[in-house]
Amino acid sequence: MRKAPFIAAVIAVVALTGCVQHQWAYGPTATQPFEQASGKCKLVAMGAQEGFAAIGSPSYVAGAAIGNAIGNAVRTNVAYNACLQAAGFVVVK
């Protein structure tokens, strides 16, 4: 039964990642093809992740790992979006 909170957290993270997808369009200052800019921005976003260290009970360490995973997902998404905006792309509403 200890796996139930972990499974619920994983489902929540997967569900939340669907909410942060954008459609991108060429802005007036975009100079690269989207695929090339997106690839570069994915590399930038991968560098935005942070590690963690936790000492304590197994449930505390599991909670810290889940919290870190959620924080990394948010940081990665923000870094990717900022990189594409810096490359001249705009979000389509």
PDB file of N, CA and C in Angstrom:
ATOM      1  N   MET A   1       0.794  -1.189   0.000  1.00  0.00           N
ATOM      2  CA  MET A   1       0.000   0.000   0.000  1.00  0.00           C
ATOM      3  C   MET A   1       0.847   1.269   0.000  1.00  0.00           C
ATOM      4  N   ARG A   2       2.135   1.185   0.249  1.00  0.00           N
ATOM      5  CA  ARG A   2       2.983   2.366   0.290  1.00  0.00           C
ATOM      6  C   ARG A   2       3.225   2.936  -1.107  1.00  0.00           C
ATOM      7  N   LYS A   3       2.942   2.146  -2.130  1.00  0.00           N
ATOM      8  CA  LYS A   3       3.169   2.612  -3.491  1.00  0.00           C
ATOM      9  C   LYS A   3       2.046   3.518  -3.987  1.00  0.00           C
ATOM     10  N   ALA A   4       0.918   3.511  -3.329  1.00  0.00           N
ATOM     11  CA  ALA A   4      -0.237   4.291  -3.785  1.00  0.00           C
ATOM     12  C   ALA A   4       0.062   5.789  -3.859  1.00  0.00           C
ATOM     13  N   PRO A   5       0.681   6.429  -2.836  1.00  0.00           N
ATOM     14  CA  PRO A   5       0.979   7.861  -2.965  1.00  0.00           C
ATOM     15  C   PRO A   5       1.969   8.154  -4.097  1.00  0.00           C
ATOM     16  N   PHE A   6       2.928   7.267  -4.283  1.00  0.00           N
ATOM     17  CA  PHE A   6       3.901   7.463  -5.362  1.00  0.00           C
ATOM     18  C   PHE A   6       3.223   7.381  -6.721  1.00  0.00           C
ATOM     19  N   ILE A   7       2.374   6.398  -6.896  1.00  0.00           N
ATOM     20  CA  ILE A   7       1.660   6.248  -8.169  1.00  0.00           C
ATOM     21  C   ILE A   7       0.756   7.446  -8.417  1.00  0.00           C
ATOM     22  N   ALA A   8       0.087   7.932  -7.373  1.00  0.00           N
ATOM     23  CA  ALA A   8      -0.778   9.107  -7.512  1.00  0.00           C
ATOM     24  C   ALA A   8       0.041  10.335  -7.911  1.00  0.00           C
ATOM     25  N   ALA A   9       1.222  10.480  -7.339  1.00  0.00           N
ATOM     26  CA  ALA A   9       2.077  11.617  -7.680  1.00  0.00           C
ATOM     27  C   ALA A   9       2.568  11.525  -9.120  1.00  0.00           C
ATOM     28  N   VAL A  10       2.918  10.344  -9.564  1.00  0.00           N
ATOM     29  CA  VAL A  10       3.369  10.170 -10.949  1.00  0.00           C
ATOM     30  C   VAL A  10       2.236  10.501 -11.918  1.00  0.00           C
ATOM     31  N   ILE A  11       1.044  10.051 -11.608  1.00  0.00           N
ATOM     32  CA  ILE A  11      -0.109  10.363 -12.463  1.00  0.00           C
ATOM     33  C   ILE A  11      -0.350  11.865 -12.498  1.00  0.00           C
ATOM     34  N   ALA A  12      -0.230  12.526 -11.352  1.00  0.00           N
ATOM     35  CA  ALA A  12      -0.428  13.978 -11.300  1.00  0.00           C
ATOM     36  C   ALA A  12       0.620  14.706 -12.138  1.00  0.00           C
ATOM     37  N   VAL A  13       1.869  14.283 -12.047  1.00  0.00           N
ATOM     38  CA  VAL A  13       2.928  14.924 -12.828  1.00  0.00           C
ATOM     39  C   VAL A  13       2.687  14.728 -14.316  1.00  0.00           C
ATOM     40  N   VAL A  14       2.322  13.529 -14.718  1.00  0.00           N
ATOM     41  CA  VAL A  14       2.060  13.264 -16.136  1.00  0.00           C
ATOM     42  C   VAL A  14       0.872  14.091 -16.613  1.00  0.00           C
ATOM     43  N   ALA A  15      -0.153  14.204 -15.793  1.00  0.00           N
ATOM     44  CA  ALA A  15      -1.329  14.990 -16.175  1.00  0.00           C
ATOM     45  C   ALA A  15      -0.983  16.471 -16.287  1.00  0.00           C
ATOM     46  N   LEU A  16      -0.151  16.967 -15.378  1.00  0.00           N
ATOM     47  CA  LEU A  16       0.204  18.388 -15.399  1.00  0.00           C
ATOM     48  C   LEU A  16       1.115  18.742 -16.566  1.00  0.00           C
ATOM     49  N   THR A  17       1.928  17.817 -17.020  1.00  0.00           N
ATOM     50  CA  THR A  17       2.823  18.138 -18.129  1.00  0.00           C
ATOM     51  C   THR A  17       2.055  18.365 -19.416  1.00  0.00           C
ATOM     52  N   GLY A  18       0.865  17.819 -19.538  1.00  0.00           N
ATOM     53  CA  GLY A  18       0.031  18.072 -20.710  1.00  0.00           C
ATOM     54  C   GLY A  18      -0.498  19.495 -20.757  1.00  0.00           C
ATOM     55  N   CYS A  19      -0.513  20.180 -19.628  1.00  0.00           N
ATOM     56  CA  CYS A  19      -1.055  21.537 -19.550  1.00  0.00           C
ATOM     57  C   CYS A  19      -0.056  22.602 -19.985  1.00  0.00           C
ATOM     58  N   VAL A  20       1.193  22.243 -20.185  1.00  0.00           N
ATOM     59  CA  VAL A  20       2.210  23.249 -20.433  1.00  0.00           C
ATOM     60  C   VAL A  20       2.717  23.247 -21.871  1.00  0.00           C
ATOM     61  N   GLN A  21       1.999  22.598 -22.764  1.00  0.00           N
ATOM     62  CA  GLN A  21       2.419  22.548 -24.164  1.00  0.00           C
ATOM     63  C   GLN A  21       1.934  23.798 -24.891  1.00  0.00           C
ATOM     64  N   HIS A  22       2.775  24.329 -25.749  1.00  0.00           N
ATOM     65  CA  HIS A  22       2.430  25.520 -26.517  1.00  0.00           C
ATOM     66  C   HIS A  22       2.541  25.226 -28.007  1.00  0.00           C
ATOM     67  N   GLN A  23       1.860  26.016 -28.788  1.00  0.00           N
ATOM     68  CA  GLN A  23       2.065  26.036 -30.234  1.00  0.00           C
ATOM     69  C   GLN A  23       2.924  27.257 -30.522  1.00  0.00           C
ATOM     70  N   TRP A  24       3.969  27.074 -31.285  1.00  0.00           N
ATOM     71  CA  TRP A  24       4.908  28.153 -31.567  1.00  0.00           C
ATOM     72  C   TRP A  24       4.785  28.588 -33.020  1.00  0.00           C
ATOM     73  N   ALA A  25       4.996  29.880 -33.251  1.00  0.00           N
ATOM     74  CA  ALA A  25       4.986  30.441 -34.603  1.00  0.00           C
ATOM     75  C   ALA A  25       6.226  31.312 -34.772  1.00  0.00           C
ATOM     76  N   TYR A  26       6.625  31.509 -36.024  1.00  0.00           N
ATOM     77  CA  TYR A  26       7.771  32.365 -36.300  1.00  0.00           C
ATOM     78  C   TYR A  26       7.418  33.801 -35.941  1.00  0.00           C
ATOM     79  N   GLY A  27       8.256  34.425 -35.138  1.00  0.00           N
ATOM     80  CA  GLY A  27       8.100  35.838 -34.820  1.00  0.00           C
ATOM     81  C   GLY A  27       8.889  36.671 -35.812  1.00  0.00           C
ATOM     82  N   PRO A  28       8.829  37.983 -35.676  1.00  0.00           N
ATOM     83  CA  PRO A  28       9.521  38.845 -36.636  1.00  0.00           C
ATOM     84  C   PRO A  28      11.045  38.740 -36.583  1.00  0.00           C
ATOM     85  N   THR A  29      11.593  38.233 -35.478  1.00  0.00           N
ATOM     86  CA  THR A  29      13.056  38.146 -35.368  1.00  0.00           C
ATOM     87  C   THR A  29      13.593  36.726 -35.469  1.00  0.00           C
ATOM     88  N   ALA A  30      12.738  35.744 -35.757  1.00  0.00           N
ATOM     89  CA  ALA A  30      13.184  34.350 -35.875  1.00  0.00           C
ATOM     90  C   ALA A  30      14.022  34.190 -37.139  1.00  0.00           C
ATOM     91  N   THR A  31      15.191  33.581 -36.996  1.00  0.00           N
ATOM     92  CA  THR A  31      16.090  33.415 -38.140  1.00  0.00           C
ATOM     93  C   THR A  31      16.412  31.956 -38.440  1.00  0.00           C
ATOM     94  N   GLN A  32      16.043  31.036 -37.545  1.00  0.00           N
ATOM     95  CA  GLN A  32      16.355  29.621 -37.723  1.00  0.00           C
ATOM     96  C   GLN A  32      15.077  28.843 -38.015  1.00  0.00           C
ATOM     97  N   PRO A  33      15.213  27.698 -38.668  1.00  0.00           N
ATOM     98  CA  PRO A  33      14.050  26.806 -38.774  1.00  0.00           C
ATOM     99  C   PRO A  33      13.629  26.362 -37.366  1.00  0.00           C
ATOM    100  N   PHE A  34      12.335  26.107 -37.170  1.00  0.00           N
ATOM    101  CA  PHE A  34      11.844  25.751 -35.843  1.00  0.00           C
ATOM    102  C   PHE A  34      12.536  24.504 -35.299  1.00  0.00           C
ATOM    103  N   GLU A  35      12.735  23.494 -36.123  1.00  0.00           N
ATOM    104  CA  GLU A  35      13.341  22.249 -35.648  1.00  0.00           C
ATOM    105  C   GLU A  35      14.742  22.491 -35.094  1.00  0.00           C
ATOM    106  N   GLN A  36      15.496  23.353 -35.749  1.00  0.00           N
ATOM    107  CA  GLN A  36      16.851  23.640 -35.294  1.00  0.00           C
ATOM    108  C   GLN A  36      16.815  24.414 -33.976  1.00  0.00           C
ATOM    109  N   ALA A  37      15.985  25.432 -33.894  1.00  0.00           N
ATOM    110  CA  ALA A  37      15.877  26.211 -32.661  1.00  0.00           C
ATOM    111  C   ALA A  37      15.347  25.353 -31.517  1.00  0.00           C
ATOM    112  N   SER A  38      14.375  24.501 -31.805  1.00  0.00           N
ATOM    113  CA  SER A  38      13.810  23.636 -30.776  1.00  0.00           C
ATOM    114  C   SER A  38      14.855  22.664 -30.243  1.00  0.00           C
ATOM    115  N   GLY A  39      15.664  22.112 -31.112  1.00  0.00           N
ATOM    116  CA  GLY A  39      16.724  21.202 -30.682  1.00  0.00           C
ATOM    117  C   GLY A  39      17.722  21.880 -29.771  1.00  0.00           C
ATOM    118  N   LYS A  40      18.129  23.091 -30.134  1.00  0.00           N
ATOM    119  CA  LYS A  40      19.051  23.840 -29.278  1.00  0.00           C
ATOM    120  C   LYS A  40      18.412  24.142 -27.923  1.00  0.00           C
ATOM    121  N   CYS A  41      17.144  24.503 -27.955  1.00  0.00           N
ATOM    122  CA  CYS A  41      16.455  24.842 -26.711  1.00  0.00           C
ATOM    123  C   CYS A  41      16.238  23.615 -25.829  1.00  0.00           C
ATOM    124  N   LYS A  42      16.082  22.454 -26.424  1.00  0.00           N
ATOM    125  CA  LYS A  42      15.971  21.233 -25.631  1.00  0.00           C
ATOM    126  C   LYS A  42      17.274  20.962 -24.895  1.00  0.00           C
ATOM    127  N   LEU A  43      18.395  21.229 -25.550  1.00  0.00           N
ATOM    128  CA  LEU A  43      19.686  21.066 -24.881  1.00  0.00           C
ATOM    129  C   LEU A  43      19.836  22.043 -23.727  1.00  0.00           C
ATOM    130  N   VAL A  44      19.403  23.281 -23.938  1.00  0.00           N
ATOM    131  CA  VAL A  44      19.445  24.283 -22.864  1.00  0.00           C
ATOM    132  C   VAL A  44      18.561  23.837 -21.706  1.00  0.00           C
ATOM    133  N   ALA A  45      17.367  23.365 -22.019  1.00  0.00           N
ATOM    134  CA  ALA A  45      16.413  22.961 -20.983  1.00  0.00           C
ATOM    135  C   ALA A  45      16.923  21.774 -20.168  1.00  0.00           C
ATOM    136  N   MET A  46      17.641  20.859 -20.803  1.00  0.00           N
ATOM    137  CA  MET A  46      18.173  19.714 -20.072  1.00  0.00           C
ATOM    138  C   MET A  46      19.169  20.161 -19.013  1.00  0.00           C
ATOM    139  N   GLY A  47      19.863  21.254 -19.258  1.00  0.00           N
ATOM    140  CA  GLY A  47      20.819  21.779 -18.287  1.00  0.00           C
ATOM    141  C   GLY A  47      20.166  22.514 -17.135  1.00  0.00           C
ATOM    142  N   ALA A  48      18.868  22.734 -17.189  1.00  0.00           N
ATOM    143  CA  ALA A  48      18.171  23.466 -16.134  1.00  0.00           C
ATOM    144  C   ALA A  48      17.786  22.569 -14.960  1.00  0.00           C
ATOM    145  N   GLN A  49      17.958  21.271 -15.101  1.00  0.00           N
ATOM    146  CA  GLN A  49      17.566  20.367 -14.023  1.00  0.00           C
ATOM    147  C   GLN A  49      18.565  20.427 -12.881  1.00  0.00           C
ATOM    148  N   GLU A  50      18.063  20.204 -11.673  1.00  0.00           N
ATOM    149  CA  GLU A  50      18.902  20.206 -10.483  1.00  0.00           C
ATOM    150  C   GLU A  50      18.782  18.872  -9.769  1.00  0.00           C
ATOM    151  N   GLY A  51      19.837  18.484  -9.107  1.00  0.00           N
ATOM    152  CA  GLY A  51      19.812  17.267  -8.312  1.00  0.00           C
ATOM    153  C   GLY A  51      19.316  17.578  -6.906  1.00  0.00           C
ATOM    154  N   PHE A  52      19.299  16.582  -6.058  1.00  0.00           N
ATOM    155  CA  PHE A  52      18.873  16.788  -4.678  1.00  0.00           C
ATOM    156  C   PHE A  52      19.535  15.757  -3.787  1.00  0.00           C
ATOM    157  N   ALA A  53      19.535  16.045  -2.511  1.00  0.00           N
ATOM    158  CA  ALA A  53      19.998  15.103  -1.511  1.00  0.00           C
ATOM    159  C   ALA A  53      18.994  15.126  -0.371  1.00  0.00           C
ATOM    160  N   ALA A  54      18.639  13.985   0.128  1.00  0.00           N
ATOM    161  CA  ALA A  54      17.686  13.907   1.230  1.00  0.00           C
ATOM    162  C   ALA A  54      18.098  12.791   2.175  1.00  0.00           C
ATOM    163  N   ILE A  55      18.024  13.090   3.454  1.00  0.00           N
ATOM    164  CA  ILE A  55      18.335  12.098   4.485  1.00  0.00           C
ATOM    165  C   ILE A  55      17.133  12.040   5.414  1.00  0.00           C
ATOM    166  N   GLY A  56      16.682  10.853   5.683  1.00  0.00           N
ATOM    167  CA  GLY A  56      15.551  10.690   6.587  1.00  0.00           C
ATOM    168  C   GLY A  56      14.844   9.382   6.322  1.00  0.00           C
ATOM    169  N   SER A  57      13.586   9.356   6.702  1.00  0.00           N
ATOM    170  CA  SER A  57      12.801   8.133   6.521  1.00  0.00           C
ATOM    171  C   SER A  57      12.567   7.887   5.036  1.00  0.00           C
ATOM    172  N   PRO A  58      12.261   6.659   4.669  1.00  0.00           N
ATOM    173  CA  PRO A  58      12.010   6.369   3.258  1.00  0.00           C
ATOM    174  C   PRO A  58      10.890   7.219   2.663  1.00  0.00           C
ATOM    175  N   SER A  59       9.840   7.481   3.441  1.00  0.00           N
ATOM    176  CA  SER A  59       8.750   8.295   2.899  1.00  0.00           C
ATOM    177  C   SER A  59       9.194   9.739   2.691  1.00  0.00           C
ATOM    178  N   TYR A  60      10.053  10.255   3.573  1.00  0.00           N
ATOM    179  CA  TYR A  60      10.569  11.615   3.399  1.00  0.00           C
ATOM    180  C   TYR A  60      11.434  11.697   2.142  1.00  0.00           C
ATOM    181  N   VAL A  61      12.313  10.730   1.957  1.00  0.00           N
ATOM    182  CA  VAL A  61      13.191  10.721   0.785  1.00  0.00           C
ATOM    183  C   VAL A  61      12.362  10.586  -0.498  1.00  0.00           C
ATOM    184  N   ALA A  62      11.327   9.744  -0.471  1.00  0.00           N
ATOM    185  CA  ALA A  62      10.460   9.596  -1.646  1.00  0.00           C
ATOM    186  C   ALA A  62       9.742  10.911  -1.936  1.00  0.00           C
ATOM    187  N   GLY A  63       9.259  11.581  -0.898  1.00  0.00           N
ATOM    188  CA  GLY A  63       8.601  12.878  -1.091  1.00  0.00           C
ATOM    189  C   GLY A  63       9.553  13.913  -1.650  1.00  0.00           C
ATOM    190  N   ALA A  64      10.795  13.913  -1.162  1.00  0.00           N
ATOM    191  CA  ALA A  64      11.791  14.850  -1.683  1.00  0.00           C
ATOM    192  C   ALA A  64      12.095  14.561  -3.145  1.00  0.00           C
ATOM    193  N   ALA A  65      12.152  13.288  -3.508  1.00  0.00           N
ATOM    194  CA  ALA A  65      12.408  12.917  -4.901  1.00  0.00           C
ATOM    195  C   ALA A  65      11.258  13.362  -5.799  1.00  0.00           C
ATOM    196  N   ILE A  66      10.029  13.186  -5.340  1.00  0.00           N
ATOM    197  CA  ILE A  66       8.870  13.605  -6.126  1.00  0.00           C
ATOM    198  C   ILE A  66       8.846  15.122  -6.263  1.00  0.00           C
ATOM    199  N   GLY A  67       9.101  15.820  -5.167  1.00  0.00           N
ATOM    200  CA  GLY A  67       9.151  17.286  -5.218  1.00  0.00           C
ATOM    201  C   GLY A  67      10.230  17.781  -6.161  1.00  0.00           C
ATOM    202  N   ASN A  68      11.386  17.144  -6.127  1.00  0.00           N
ATOM    203  CA  ASN A  68      12.466  17.526  -7.027  1.00  0.00           C
ATOM    204  C   ASN A  68      12.088  17.257  -8.477  1.00  0.00           C
ATOM    205  N   ALA A  69      11.422  16.149  -8.742  1.00  0.00           N
ATOM    206  CA  ALA A  69      11.007  15.831 -10.111  1.00  0.00           C
ATOM    207  C   ALA A  69      10.014  16.866 -10.631  1.00  0.00           C
ATOM    208  N   ILE A  70       9.085  17.281  -9.793  1.00  0.00           N
ATOM    209  CA  ILE A  70       8.118  18.300 -10.210  1.00  0.00           C
ATOM    210  C   ILE A  70       8.828  19.630 -10.463  1.00  0.00           C
ATOM    211  N   GLY A  71       9.725  19.999  -9.556  1.00  0.00           N
ATOM    212  CA  GLY A  71      10.491  21.235  -9.743  1.00  0.00           C
ATOM    213  C   GLY A  71      11.328  21.211 -11.011  1.00  0.00           C
ATOM    214  N   ASN A  72      11.943  20.060 -11.299  1.00  0.00           N
ATOM    215  CA  ASN A  72      12.737  19.935 -12.522  1.00  0.00           C
ATOM    216  C   ASN A  72      11.867  20.039 -13.770  1.00  0.00           C
ATOM    217  N   ALA A  73      10.668  19.475 -13.721  1.00  0.00           N
ATOM    218  CA  ALA A  73       9.766  19.576 -14.870  1.00  0.00           C
ATOM    219  C   ALA A  73       9.390  21.024 -15.134  1.00  0.00           C
ATOM    220  N   VAL A  74       9.122  21.766 -14.079  1.00  0.00           N
ATOM    221  CA  VAL A  74       8.770  23.182 -14.230  1.00  0.00           C
ATOM    222  C   VAL A  74       9.969  23.973 -14.756  1.00  0.00           C
ATOM    223  N   ARG A  75      11.152  23.766 -14.163  1.00  0.00           N
ATOM    224  CA  ARG A  75      12.355  24.484 -14.609  1.00  0.00           C
ATOM    225  C   ARG A  75      12.685  24.177 -16.062  1.00  0.00           C
ATOM    226  N   THR A  76      12.569  22.916 -16.462  1.00  0.00           N
ATOM    227  CA  THR A  76      12.865  22.523 -17.831  1.00  0.00           C
ATOM    228  C   THR A  76      11.914  23.209 -18.806  1.00  0.00           C
ATOM    229  N   ASN A  77      10.636  23.234 -18.481  1.00  0.00           N
ATOM    230  CA  ASN A  77       9.650  23.864 -19.347  1.00  0.00           C
ATOM    231  C   ASN A  77       9.885  25.368 -19.459  1.00  0.00           C
ATOM    232  N   VAL A  78      10.167  26.014 -18.350  1.00  0.00           N
ATOM    233  CA  VAL A  78      10.412  27.459 -18.362  1.00  0.00           C
ATOM    234  C   VAL A  78      11.664  27.776 -19.183  1.00  0.00           C
ATOM    235  N   ALA A  79      12.718  26.991 -19.023  1.00  0.00           N
ATOM    236  CA  ALA A  79      13.946  27.225 -19.780  1.00  0.00           C
ATOM    237  C   ALA A  79      13.729  27.025 -21.277  1.00  0.00           C
ATOM    238  N   TYR A  80      12.985  25.993 -21.657  1.00  0.00           N
ATOM    239  CA  TYR A  80      12.695  25.726 -23.074  1.00  0.00           C
ATOM    240  C   TYR A  80      11.893  26.881 -23.677  1.00  0.00           C
ATOM    241  N   ASN A  81      10.846  27.304 -22.971  1.00  0.00           N
ATOM    242  CA  ASN A  81      10.019  28.399 -23.477  1.00  0.00           C
ATOM    243  C   ASN A  81      10.816  29.692 -23.614  1.00  0.00           C
ATOM    244  N   ALA A  82      11.616  30.010 -22.611  1.00  0.00           N
ATOM    245  CA  ALA A  82      12.413  31.236 -22.656  1.00  0.00           C
ATOM    246  C   ALA A  82      13.420  31.183 -23.801  1.00  0.00           C
ATOM    247  N   CYS A  83      14.005  30.034 -24.043  1.00  0.00           N
ATOM    248  CA  CYS A  83      14.969  29.883 -25.127  1.00  0.00           C
ATOM    249  C   CYS A  83      14.305  30.104 -26.486  1.00  0.00           C
ATOM    250  N   LEU A  84      13.122  29.517 -26.684  1.00  0.00           N
ATOM    251  CA  LEU A  84      12.426  29.709 -27.963  1.00  0.00           C
ATOM    252  C   LEU A  84      12.013  31.172 -28.147  1.00  0.00           C
ATOM    253  N   GLN A  85      11.595  31.820 -27.081  1.00  0.00           N
ATOM    254  CA  GLN A  85      11.249  33.236 -27.185  1.00  0.00           C
ATOM    255  C   GLN A  85      12.483  34.061 -27.532  1.00  0.00           C
ATOM    256  N   ALA A  86      13.613  33.721 -26.943  1.00  0.00           N
ATOM    257  CA  ALA A  86      14.858  34.434 -27.256  1.00  0.00           C
ATOM    258  C   ALA A  86      15.287  34.189 -28.698  1.00  0.00           C
ATOM    259  N   ALA A  87      14.897  33.051 -29.267  1.00  0.00           N
ATOM    260  CA  ALA A  87      15.236  32.734 -30.657  1.00  0.00           C
ATOM    261  C   ALA A  87      14.267  33.405 -31.644  1.00  0.00           C
ATOM    262  N   GLY A  88      13.272  34.121 -31.112  1.00  0.00           N
ATOM    263  CA  GLY A  88      12.380  34.873 -31.995  1.00  0.00           C
ATOM    264  C   GLY A  88      11.032  34.240 -32.259  1.00  0.00           C
ATOM    265  N   PHE A  89      10.714  33.164 -31.567  1.00  0.00           N
ATOM    266  CA  PHE A  89       9.423  32.511 -31.756  1.00  0.00           C
ATOM    267  C   PHE A  89       8.400  33.067 -30.774  1.00  0.00           C
ATOM    268  N   VAL A  90       7.139  33.014 -31.152  1.00  0.00           N
ATOM    269  CA  VAL A  90       6.069  33.510 -30.290  1.00  0.00           C
ATOM    270  C   VAL A  90       5.048  32.405 -30.069  1.00  0.00           C
ATOM    271  N   VAL A  91       4.385  32.476 -28.914  1.00  0.00           N
ATOM    272  CA  VAL A  91       3.351  31.493 -28.575  1.00  0.00           C
ATOM    273  C   VAL A  91       2.078  31.870 -29.321  1.00  0.00           C
ATOM    274  N   VAL A  92       1.461  30.879 -29.939  1.00  0.00           N
ATOM    275  CA  VAL A  92       0.177  31.075 -30.614  1.00  0.00           C
ATOM    276  C   VAL A  92      -0.915  30.821 -29.601  1.00  0.00           C
ATOM    277  N   LYS A  93      -1.782  31.754 -29.419  1.00  0.00           N
ATOM    278  CA  LYS A  93      -2.879  31.624 -28.427  1.00  0.00           C
ATOM    279  C   LYS A  93      -3.966  30.744 -28.950  1.00  0.00           C
TER     280      LYS A  93
END
